[in-house]
Amino acid sequence: MRRGLALALLTIPTAAMAAAPGLAIVNAAGADMSGLFIRRVGASEWRSLAPGLSQRATIRPSIAEHECGFDLRATFVGGGEAVWRDVNLCEVKSVTLVRRADGVTFVDYD
């Protein structure tokens, strides 16, 4: 089981976001995040999900349950960013955001 520091319990407007109850989002991107942002797939506006997330840290967002597909974008301490597209936040316990050394991003679901 993955370990992480619970950094925040966030409430997002229900009309904007969705996720399974108890969902954990884990930073395994290989760098501390200075910000984590979320938007529904197809939307243009990003919303802040967390002001920062250290490596291997976990957040537990509390959001509505009627939509599943989201894009997640991280900005990193020291510069740079990464995007994870079409992340399924329904019917999972945790979503681990991974970024390889070559910049390729993927999600590990539990």
N, C-alpha and C. Protein backbone atom coordinates (compact mmCIF):
# COMPACT_ATOMS: atom_id res chain seq x y z
N MET A 1 0.84 -1.17 0.00
CA MET A 1 0.00 0.00 0.00
C MET A 1 0.89 1.24 0.00
N ARG A 2 0.51 2.21 -0.76
CA ARG A 2 1.29 3.44 -0.84
C ARG A 2 1.14 4.25 0.43
N ARG A 3 2.23 4.89 0.83
CA ARG A 3 2.19 5.77 1.99
C ARG A 3 2.25 7.20 1.51
N GLY A 4 1.64 8.06 2.21
CA GLY A 4 1.71 9.47 1.86
C GLY A 4 1.24 10.31 3.01
N LEU A 5 1.58 11.54 2.96
CA LEU A 5 1.17 12.50 3.96
C LEU A 5 -0.11 13.15 3.51
N ALA A 6 -1.14 13.07 4.29
CA ALA A 6 -2.41 13.72 3.93
C ALA A 6 -2.22 15.22 4.11
N LEU A 7 -2.21 15.96 3.02
CA LEU A 7 -1.94 17.39 3.08
C LEU A 7 -3.18 18.24 3.16
N ALA A 8 -4.27 17.79 2.55
CA ALA A 8 -5.43 18.68 2.52
C ALA A 8 -6.69 17.91 2.26
N LEU A 9 -7.78 18.42 2.77
CA LEU A 9 -9.10 17.93 2.41
C LEU A 9 -9.77 19.09 1.72
N LEU A 10 -9.97 18.95 0.42
CA LEU A 10 -10.44 20.07 -0.39
C LEU A 10 -11.86 19.86 -0.83
N THR A 11 -12.61 20.91 -0.87
CA THR A 11 -13.96 20.86 -1.38
C THR A 11 -14.00 21.64 -2.68
N ILE A 12 -14.44 21.00 -3.75
CA ILE A 12 -14.56 21.61 -5.07
C ILE A 12 -16.04 21.75 -5.35
N PRO A 13 -16.47 22.83 -6.01
CA PRO A 13 -17.89 22.95 -6.34
C PRO A 13 -18.40 21.73 -7.07
N THR A 14 -19.55 21.19 -6.65
CA THR A 14 -20.05 19.95 -7.22
C THR A 14 -20.38 20.06 -8.69
N ALA A 15 -20.73 21.21 -9.17
CA ALA A 15 -21.03 21.36 -10.59
C ALA A 15 -19.77 21.26 -11.44
N ALA A 16 -18.61 21.43 -10.83
CA ALA A 16 -17.37 21.49 -11.59
C ALA A 16 -16.60 20.18 -11.60
N MET A 17 -16.65 19.38 -10.55
CA MET A 17 -15.77 18.23 -10.42
C MET A 17 -16.52 16.99 -9.94
N ALA A 18 -15.82 15.83 -10.01
CA ALA A 18 -16.42 14.59 -9.50
C ALA A 18 -15.33 13.61 -9.12
N ALA A 19 -15.61 12.74 -8.16
CA ALA A 19 -14.66 11.69 -7.78
C ALA A 19 -15.33 10.71 -6.85
N ALA A 20 -14.72 9.56 -6.74
CA ALA A 20 -15.20 8.56 -5.80
C ALA A 20 -14.93 9.03 -4.38
N PRO A 21 -15.84 8.74 -3.45
CA PRO A 21 -15.60 9.11 -2.06
C PRO A 21 -14.33 8.44 -1.55
N GLY A 22 -13.51 9.16 -0.80
CA GLY A 22 -12.29 8.60 -0.24
C GLY A 22 -11.14 8.52 -1.21
N LEU A 23 -11.26 9.11 -2.37
CA LEU A 23 -10.21 9.09 -3.38
C LEU A 23 -8.94 9.75 -2.86
N ALA A 24 -7.79 9.13 -3.11
CA ALA A 24 -6.49 9.72 -2.78
C ALA A 24 -5.74 9.99 -4.08
N ILE A 25 -5.11 11.15 -4.17
CA ILE A 25 -4.24 11.47 -5.31
C ILE A 25 -2.83 11.57 -4.76
N VAL A 26 -1.91 10.77 -5.34
CA VAL A 26 -0.55 10.64 -4.84
C VAL A 26 0.44 11.23 -5.84
N ASN A 27 1.40 12.03 -5.36
CA ASN A 27 2.45 12.59 -6.20
C ASN A 27 3.61 11.59 -6.29
N ALA A 28 3.75 10.97 -7.46
CA ALA A 28 4.91 10.11 -7.74
C ALA A 28 5.59 10.61 -9.00
N ALA A 29 5.57 11.94 -9.19
CA ALA A 29 6.10 12.55 -10.41
C ALA A 29 7.61 12.79 -10.34
N GLY A 30 8.23 12.49 -9.21
CA GLY A 30 9.67 12.62 -9.10
C GLY A 30 10.14 14.00 -8.70
N ALA A 31 9.22 14.90 -8.35
CA ALA A 31 9.58 16.25 -7.92
C ALA A 31 8.45 16.83 -7.08
N ASP A 32 8.81 17.77 -6.23
CA ASP A 32 7.79 18.48 -5.45
C ASP A 32 6.96 19.35 -6.38
N MET A 33 5.65 19.33 -6.18
CA MET A 33 4.75 20.15 -6.98
C MET A 33 4.53 21.48 -6.27
N SER A 34 4.59 22.57 -7.02
CA SER A 34 4.26 23.87 -6.44
C SER A 34 2.77 24.15 -6.58
N GLY A 35 2.09 23.40 -7.44
CA GLY A 35 0.65 23.53 -7.60
C GLY A 35 0.09 22.33 -8.33
N LEU A 36 -1.15 21.98 -8.03
CA LEU A 36 -1.86 20.90 -8.72
C LEU A 36 -3.22 21.44 -9.12
N PHE A 37 -3.57 21.26 -10.40
CA PHE A 37 -4.78 21.84 -10.97
C PHE A 37 -5.61 20.77 -11.64
N ILE A 38 -6.91 21.00 -11.75
CA ILE A 38 -7.83 20.02 -12.30
C ILE A 38 -8.85 20.71 -13.20
N ARG A 39 -9.28 19.99 -14.23
CA ARG A 39 -10.39 20.45 -15.08
C ARG A 39 -11.08 19.23 -15.64
N ARG A 40 -12.38 19.37 -15.94
CA ARG A 40 -13.08 18.29 -16.62
C ARG A 40 -12.49 18.13 -18.02
N VAL A 41 -12.47 16.91 -18.53
CA VAL A 41 -12.01 16.68 -19.90
C VAL A 41 -12.86 17.53 -20.83
N GLY A 42 -12.21 18.26 -21.72
CA GLY A 42 -12.92 19.12 -22.66
C GLY A 42 -13.12 20.54 -22.19
N ALA A 43 -12.92 20.80 -20.91
CA ALA A 43 -13.06 22.16 -20.37
C ALA A 43 -11.77 22.93 -20.60
N SER A 44 -11.87 24.25 -20.59
CA SER A 44 -10.67 25.07 -20.78
C SER A 44 -10.13 25.64 -19.48
N GLU A 45 -10.98 25.78 -18.47
CA GLU A 45 -10.58 26.43 -17.22
C GLU A 45 -10.01 25.43 -16.22
N TRP A 46 -8.79 25.70 -15.75
CA TRP A 46 -8.17 24.90 -14.70
C TRP A 46 -8.57 25.46 -13.34
N ARG A 47 -8.81 24.59 -12.37
CA ARG A 47 -9.09 24.99 -10.98
C ARG A 47 -8.00 24.42 -10.09
N SER A 48 -7.61 25.19 -9.10
CA SER A 48 -6.58 24.75 -8.17
C SER A 48 -7.12 23.61 -7.31
N LEU A 49 -6.34 22.55 -7.23
CA LEU A 49 -6.70 21.40 -6.39
C LEU A 49 -5.85 21.38 -5.12
N ALA A 50 -4.59 21.79 -5.24
CA ALA A 50 -3.70 21.85 -4.08
C ALA A 50 -2.63 22.90 -4.35
N PRO A 51 -2.24 23.68 -3.32
CA PRO A 51 -1.22 24.70 -3.52
C PRO A 51 0.17 24.11 -3.70
N GLY A 52 0.39 22.89 -3.30
CA GLY A 52 1.68 22.22 -3.44
C GLY A 52 1.56 20.80 -2.95
N LEU A 53 2.45 19.94 -3.42
CA LEU A 53 2.38 18.53 -3.04
C LEU A 53 3.79 17.97 -3.13
N SER A 54 4.37 17.61 -1.98
CA SER A 54 5.72 17.06 -1.99
C SER A 54 5.71 15.65 -2.56
N GLN A 55 6.90 15.15 -2.89
CA GLN A 55 7.00 13.81 -3.46
C GLN A 55 6.42 12.78 -2.50
N ARG A 56 5.66 11.85 -3.06
CA ARG A 56 5.00 10.75 -2.34
C ARG A 56 3.91 11.23 -1.39
N ALA A 57 3.56 12.50 -1.42
CA ALA A 57 2.48 13.02 -0.58
C ALA A 57 1.14 12.70 -1.22
N THR A 58 0.10 12.72 -0.40
CA THR A 58 -1.25 12.37 -0.84
C THR A 58 -2.22 13.48 -0.47
N ILE A 59 -3.16 13.77 -1.37
CA ILE A 59 -4.29 14.63 -1.01
C ILE A 59 -5.56 13.81 -1.18
N ARG A 60 -6.58 14.19 -0.48
CA ARG A 60 -7.87 13.51 -0.55
C ARG A 60 -8.96 14.53 -0.87
N PRO A 61 -9.16 14.80 -2.16
CA PRO A 61 -10.19 15.78 -2.53
C PRO A 61 -11.59 15.23 -2.26
N SER A 62 -12.48 16.09 -1.90
CA SER A 62 -13.87 15.73 -1.68
C SER A 62 -14.70 16.44 -2.73
N ILE A 63 -15.13 15.70 -3.73
CA ILE A 63 -15.85 16.31 -4.84
C ILE A 63 -17.03 15.44 -5.25
N ALA A 64 -17.94 15.99 -6.03
CA ALA A 64 -19.19 15.31 -6.41
C ALA A 64 -18.92 14.00 -7.14
N GLU A 65 -19.98 13.21 -7.35
CA GLU A 65 -19.82 11.86 -7.89
C GLU A 65 -20.48 11.63 -9.24
N HIS A 66 -20.78 12.66 -10.02
CA HIS A 66 -21.53 12.42 -11.25
C HIS A 66 -20.70 12.48 -12.53
N GLU A 67 -19.42 12.80 -12.46
CA GLU A 67 -18.55 12.79 -13.63
C GLU A 67 -17.26 12.09 -13.27
N CYS A 68 -16.55 11.63 -14.30
CA CYS A 68 -15.36 10.81 -14.00
C CYS A 68 -14.08 11.29 -14.67
N GLY A 69 -14.13 11.84 -15.87
CA GLY A 69 -12.93 12.14 -16.64
C GLY A 69 -12.39 13.53 -16.39
N PHE A 70 -11.12 13.60 -15.97
CA PHE A 70 -10.48 14.88 -15.67
C PHE A 70 -9.06 14.91 -16.21
N ASP A 71 -8.59 16.12 -16.47
CA ASP A 71 -7.18 16.37 -16.74
C ASP A 71 -6.59 16.95 -15.46
N LEU A 72 -5.37 16.54 -15.13
CA LEU A 72 -4.65 17.08 -13.98
C LEU A 72 -3.35 17.70 -14.48
N ARG A 73 -3.02 18.87 -13.96
CA ARG A 73 -1.79 19.56 -14.37
C ARG A 73 -1.01 19.95 -13.11
N ALA A 74 0.27 19.64 -13.11
CA ALA A 74 1.14 20.00 -11.99
C ALA A 74 2.18 20.99 -12.47
N THR A 75 2.47 21.97 -11.62
CA THR A 75 3.64 22.82 -11.80
C THR A 75 4.64 22.38 -10.74
N PHE A 76 5.92 22.44 -11.09
CA PHE A 76 6.95 21.89 -10.20
C PHE A 76 7.82 22.98 -9.60
N VAL A 77 8.26 22.75 -8.37
CA VAL A 77 9.20 23.64 -7.71
C VAL A 77 10.46 23.67 -8.59
N GLY A 78 10.95 24.82 -8.90
CA GLY A 78 12.12 24.94 -9.76
C GLY A 78 11.77 25.07 -11.23
N GLY A 79 10.49 24.97 -11.58
CA GLY A 79 10.04 25.16 -12.96
C GLY A 79 9.57 23.88 -13.62
N GLY A 80 8.86 24.06 -14.69
CA GLY A 80 8.33 22.95 -15.47
C GLY A 80 6.93 22.57 -15.04
N GLU A 81 6.28 21.80 -15.90
CA GLU A 81 4.94 21.30 -15.59
C GLU A 81 4.71 19.98 -16.31
N ALA A 82 3.67 19.29 -15.89
CA ALA A 82 3.27 18.03 -16.52
C ALA A 82 1.75 17.96 -16.50
N VAL A 83 1.18 17.28 -17.50
CA VAL A 83 -0.26 17.12 -17.60
C VAL A 83 -0.59 15.64 -17.73
N TRP A 84 -1.57 15.20 -16.98
CA TRP A 84 -2.13 13.86 -17.07
C TRP A 84 -3.53 14.02 -17.64
N ARG A 85 -3.78 13.46 -18.81
CA ARG A 85 -5.04 13.67 -19.52
C ARG A 85 -6.01 12.51 -19.31
N ASP A 86 -7.29 12.86 -19.26
CA ASP A 86 -8.39 11.90 -19.18
C ASP A 86 -8.21 10.90 -18.04
N VAL A 87 -7.96 11.42 -16.86
CA VAL A 87 -7.79 10.60 -15.66
C VAL A 87 -9.17 10.23 -15.11
N ASN A 88 -9.40 8.95 -14.90
CA ASN A 88 -10.67 8.47 -14.37
C ASN A 88 -10.63 8.56 -12.85
N LEU A 89 -11.49 9.42 -12.28
CA LEU A 89 -11.52 9.59 -10.83
C LEU A 89 -12.68 8.86 -10.17
N CYS A 90 -13.37 8.02 -10.93
CA CYS A 90 -14.50 7.26 -10.38
C CYS A 90 -14.10 5.81 -10.11
N GLU A 91 -14.70 5.24 -9.10
CA GLU A 91 -14.56 3.82 -8.80
C GLU A 91 -13.12 3.37 -8.56
N VAL A 92 -12.29 4.28 -8.05
CA VAL A 92 -10.92 3.93 -7.68
C VAL A 92 -10.65 4.45 -6.27
N LYS A 93 -9.70 3.82 -5.59
CA LYS A 93 -9.33 4.27 -4.25
C LYS A 93 -8.22 5.31 -4.30
N SER A 94 -7.28 5.12 -5.25
CA SER A 94 -6.20 6.09 -5.36
C SER A 94 -5.74 6.22 -6.81
N VAL A 95 -5.23 7.40 -7.09
CA VAL A 95 -4.67 7.73 -8.40
C VAL A 95 -3.26 8.23 -8.13
N THR A 96 -2.26 7.54 -8.68
CA THR A 96 -0.87 7.95 -8.51
C THR A 96 -0.39 8.60 -9.79
N LEU A 97 0.04 9.86 -9.69
CA LEU A 97 0.52 10.61 -10.84
C LEU A 97 2.00 10.35 -11.01
N VAL A 98 2.38 9.74 -12.14
CA VAL A 98 3.76 9.34 -12.40
C VAL A 98 4.28 10.12 -13.60
N ARG A 99 5.53 10.57 -13.51
CA ARG A 99 6.21 11.22 -14.63
C ARG A 99 7.59 10.59 -14.75
N ARG A 100 7.84 9.98 -15.92
CA ARG A 100 9.15 9.35 -16.16
C ARG A 100 10.21 10.42 -16.40
N ALA A 101 11.47 10.02 -16.36
CA ALA A 101 12.59 10.93 -16.59
C ALA A 101 12.54 11.58 -17.96
N ASP A 102 11.94 10.88 -18.95
CA ASP A 102 11.84 11.44 -20.30
C ASP A 102 10.63 12.36 -20.46
N GLY A 103 9.88 12.60 -19.37
CA GLY A 103 8.74 13.51 -19.40
C GLY A 103 7.40 12.86 -19.66
N VAL A 104 7.38 11.59 -20.03
CA VAL A 104 6.12 10.89 -20.29
C VAL A 104 5.36 10.75 -18.97
N THR A 105 4.06 11.06 -19.01
CA THR A 105 3.22 10.95 -17.82
C THR A 105 2.24 9.80 -17.95
N PHE A 106 1.93 9.17 -16.82
CA PHE A 106 0.89 8.16 -16.79
C PHE A 106 0.33 8.07 -15.38
N VAL A 107 -0.79 7.38 -15.25
CA VAL A 107 -1.48 7.25 -13.97
C VAL A 107 -1.52 5.79 -13.58
N ASP A 108 -1.25 5.52 -12.31
CA ASP A 108 -1.39 4.19 -11.75
C ASP A 108 -2.62 4.21 -10.86
N TYR A 109 -3.58 3.33 -11.15
CA TYR A 109 -4.84 3.28 -10.41
C TYR A 109 -4.84 2.14 -9.40
N ASP A 110 -5.41 2.38 -8.23
CA ASP A 110 -5.67 1.32 -7.25
C ASP A 110 -7.14 1.31 -6.95
